[in-house]
């Protein structure tokens, strides 16, 4: 009985450390892979999703200027960022940081 006690205790200790090591994985945001195939102009939420896909985290202002959406906000580091998205195709026209 005593011979099995030490290996059982060692296995129990290893079992307690596994969940803690799994929690050390950092959060990584997945890039936007959705394709907007809706006919007509690109909706505002689609333009915001596209801007989020290249690093915009917090949106502070949106404007539709001609044939493009201008999405303004901040990236992960807190730096100002403006993303211009084509309102017809969803292509990124310009990025100002």
C-alpha atoms as a PDB file:
ATOM      1  CA  UNK A   1       0.000   0.000   0.000  1.00  0.00           C
ATOM      2  CA  UNK A   2       2.804   2.420   0.878  1.00  0.00           C
ATOM      3  CA  UNK A   3       4.560   1.688  -2.414  1.00  0.00           C
ATOM      4  CA  UNK A   4       1.559   2.988  -4.362  1.00  0.00           C
ATOM      5  CA  UNK A   5       1.031   6.095  -2.223  1.00  0.00           C
ATOM      6  CA  UNK A   6       3.974   8.134  -3.545  1.00  0.00           C
ATOM      7  CA  UNK A   7       3.230   7.592  -7.284  1.00  0.00           C
ATOM      8  CA  UNK A   8      -0.454   8.353  -6.687  1.00  0.00           C
ATOM      9  CA  UNK A   9       0.429  11.601  -4.893  1.00  0.00           C
ATOM     10  CA  UNK A  10       2.833  12.568  -7.696  1.00  0.00           C
ATOM     11  CA  UNK A  11       0.155  11.987 -10.341  1.00  0.00           C
ATOM     12  CA  UNK A  12      -2.338  14.051  -8.350  1.00  0.00           C
ATOM     13  CA  UNK A  13       0.139  16.957  -8.140  1.00  0.00           C
ATOM     14  CA  UNK A  14       0.779  16.816 -11.892  1.00  0.00           C
ATOM     15  CA  UNK A  15      -2.970  16.781 -12.494  1.00  0.00           C
ATOM     16  CA  UNK A  16      -3.374  20.025 -10.528  1.00  0.00           C
ATOM     17  CA  UNK A  17      -0.744  21.868 -12.578  1.00  0.00           C
ATOM     18  CA  UNK A  18      -2.122  21.051 -16.047  1.00  0.00           C
ATOM     19  CA  UNK A  19      -5.154  23.413 -15.915  1.00  0.00           C
ATOM     20  CA  UNK A  20      -2.948  26.278 -14.705  1.00  0.00           C
ATOM     21  CA  UNK A  21      -0.546  25.874 -17.607  1.00  0.00           C
ATOM     22  CA  UNK A  22      -3.429  25.764 -20.089  1.00  0.00           C
ATOM     23  CA  UNK A  23      -4.658  29.140 -18.803  1.00  0.00           C
ATOM     24  CA  UNK A  24      -1.425  30.868 -19.844  1.00  0.00           C
ATOM     25  CA  UNK A  25      -2.400  30.929 -23.516  1.00  0.00           C
ATOM     26  CA  UNK A  26      -2.958  34.545 -24.669  1.00  0.00           C
ATOM     27  CA  UNK A  27      -6.000  35.784 -26.561  1.00  0.00           C
ATOM     28  CA  UNK A  28      -5.467  36.209 -30.292  1.00  0.00           C
ATOM     29  CA  UNK A  29      -8.238  37.750 -32.384  1.00  0.00           C
ATOM     30  CA  UNK A  30      -8.946  35.796 -35.539  1.00  0.00           C
ATOM     31  CA  UNK A  31      -8.848  37.802 -38.782  1.00  0.00           C
ATOM     32  CA  UNK A  32     -12.123  38.431 -40.563  1.00  0.00           C
ATOM     33  CA  UNK A  33     -12.699  35.716 -43.138  1.00  0.00           C
ATOM     34  CA  UNK A  34     -16.344  36.419 -43.912  1.00  0.00           C
ATOM     35  CA  UNK A  35     -17.263  37.371 -47.437  1.00  0.00           C
ATOM     36  CA  UNK A  36     -20.067  39.874 -47.885  1.00  0.00           C
ATOM     37  CA  UNK A  37     -21.957  38.859 -51.002  1.00  0.00           C
ATOM     38  CA  UNK A  38     -25.008  40.999 -50.405  1.00  0.00           C
ATOM     39  CA  UNK A  39     -26.046  42.966 -53.503  1.00  0.00           C
ATOM     40  CA  UNK A  40     -25.919  46.741 -53.295  1.00  0.00           C
ATOM     41  CA  UNK A  41     -23.884  49.002 -51.025  1.00  0.00           C
ATOM     42  CA  UNK A  42     -21.846  47.552 -48.180  1.00  0.00           C
ATOM     43  CA  UNK A  43     -23.644  47.948 -44.821  1.00  0.00           C
ATOM     44  CA  UNK A  44     -21.964  49.918 -42.037  1.00  0.00           C
ATOM     45  CA  UNK A  45     -21.488  46.859 -39.801  1.00  0.00           C
ATOM     46  CA  UNK A  46     -19.671  45.065 -42.630  1.00  0.00           C
ATOM     47  CA  UNK A  47     -17.276  48.027 -42.990  1.00  0.00           C
ATOM     48  CA  UNK A  48     -16.647  48.012 -39.222  1.00  0.00           C
ATOM     49  CA  UNK A  49     -15.983  44.240 -39.323  1.00  0.00           C
ATOM     50  CA  UNK A  50     -13.447  44.731 -42.119  1.00  0.00           C
ATOM     51  CA  UNK A  51     -11.713  47.507 -40.129  1.00  0.00           C
ATOM     52  CA  UNK A  52     -11.657  45.257 -37.039  1.00  0.00           C
ATOM     53  CA  UNK A  53      -9.965  42.587 -39.121  1.00  0.00           C
ATOM     54  CA  UNK A  54      -6.904  44.779 -39.693  1.00  0.00           C
ATOM     55  CA  UNK A  55      -6.497  45.938 -36.099  1.00  0.00           C
ATOM     56  CA  UNK A  56      -9.146  48.541 -35.236  1.00  0.00           C
ATOM     57  CA  UNK A  57     -10.429  47.716 -31.750  1.00  0.00           C
ATOM     58  CA  UNK A  58     -12.520  50.683 -30.603  1.00  0.00           C
ATOM     59  CA  UNK A  59     -14.684  52.610 -33.100  1.00  0.00           C
ATOM     60  CA  UNK A  60     -15.187  56.297 -32.315  1.00  0.00           C
ATOM     61  CA  UNK A  61     -16.731  57.642 -35.543  1.00  0.00           C
ATOM     62  CA  UNK A  62     -18.058  56.462 -38.903  1.00  0.00           C
ATOM     63  CA  UNK A  63     -18.849  58.473 -42.035  1.00  0.00           C
ATOM     64  CA  UNK A  64     -19.953  57.584 -45.539  1.00  0.00           C
ATOM     65  CA  UNK A  65     -18.049  59.826 -47.911  1.00  0.00           C
ATOM     66  CA  UNK A  66     -18.869  59.226 -51.570  1.00  0.00           C
ATOM     67  CA  UNK A  67     -18.271  55.547 -52.304  1.00  0.00           C
ATOM     68  CA  UNK A  68     -16.341  54.733 -49.144  1.00  0.00           C
ATOM     69  CA  UNK A  69     -16.922  54.215 -45.463  1.00  0.00           C
ATOM     70  CA  UNK A  70     -14.522  56.057 -43.154  1.00  0.00           C
ATOM     71  CA  UNK A  71     -14.180  54.164 -39.880  1.00  0.00           C
ATOM     72  CA  UNK A  72     -12.223  55.992 -37.154  1.00  0.00           C
ATOM     73  CA  UNK A  73     -11.070  54.621 -33.826  1.00  0.00           C
ATOM     74  CA  UNK A  74      -8.143  53.159 -31.917  1.00  0.00           C
ATOM     75  CA  UNK A  75      -5.982  50.042 -32.201  1.00  0.00           C
ATOM     76  CA  UNK A  76      -4.843  47.717 -29.392  1.00  0.00           C
ATOM     77  CA  UNK A  77      -1.996  50.057 -28.396  1.00  0.00           C
ATOM     78  CA  UNK A  78      -4.417  53.001 -28.090  1.00  0.00           C
ATOM     79  CA  UNK A  79      -3.132  54.764 -31.215  1.00  0.00           C
ATOM     80  CA  UNK A  80      -5.551  56.622 -33.500  1.00  0.00           C
ATOM     81  CA  UNK A  81      -6.442  54.774 -36.680  1.00  0.00           C
ATOM     82  CA  UNK A  82      -8.661  55.582 -39.672  1.00  0.00           C
ATOM     83  CA  UNK A  83      -9.673  52.914 -42.183  1.00  0.00           C
ATOM     84  CA  UNK A  84     -11.346  53.765 -45.503  1.00  0.00           C
ATOM     85  CA  UNK A  85     -13.403  50.874 -46.917  1.00  0.00           C
ATOM     86  CA  UNK A  86     -14.900  50.864 -50.426  1.00  0.00           C
ATOM     87  CA  UNK A  87     -18.692  50.875 -49.969  1.00  0.00           C
ATOM     88  CA  UNK A  88     -19.277  48.739 -53.076  1.00  0.00           C
ATOM     89  CA  UNK A  89     -16.594  46.044 -52.923  1.00  0.00           C
ATOM     90  CA  UNK A  90     -15.441  46.020 -49.283  1.00  0.00           C
ATOM     91  CA  UNK A  91     -11.821  46.601 -50.319  1.00  0.00           C
ATOM     92  CA  UNK A  92      -9.593  48.616 -47.982  1.00  0.00           C
ATOM     93  CA  UNK A  93      -8.809  51.879 -49.777  1.00  0.00           C
ATOM     94  CA  UNK A  94      -6.590  53.618 -47.215  1.00  0.00           C
ATOM     95  CA  UNK A  95      -5.316  53.246 -43.646  1.00  0.00           C
ATOM     96  CA  UNK A  96      -4.103  56.235 -41.613  1.00  0.00           C
ATOM     97  CA  UNK A  97      -2.315  55.641 -38.322  1.00  0.00           C
END
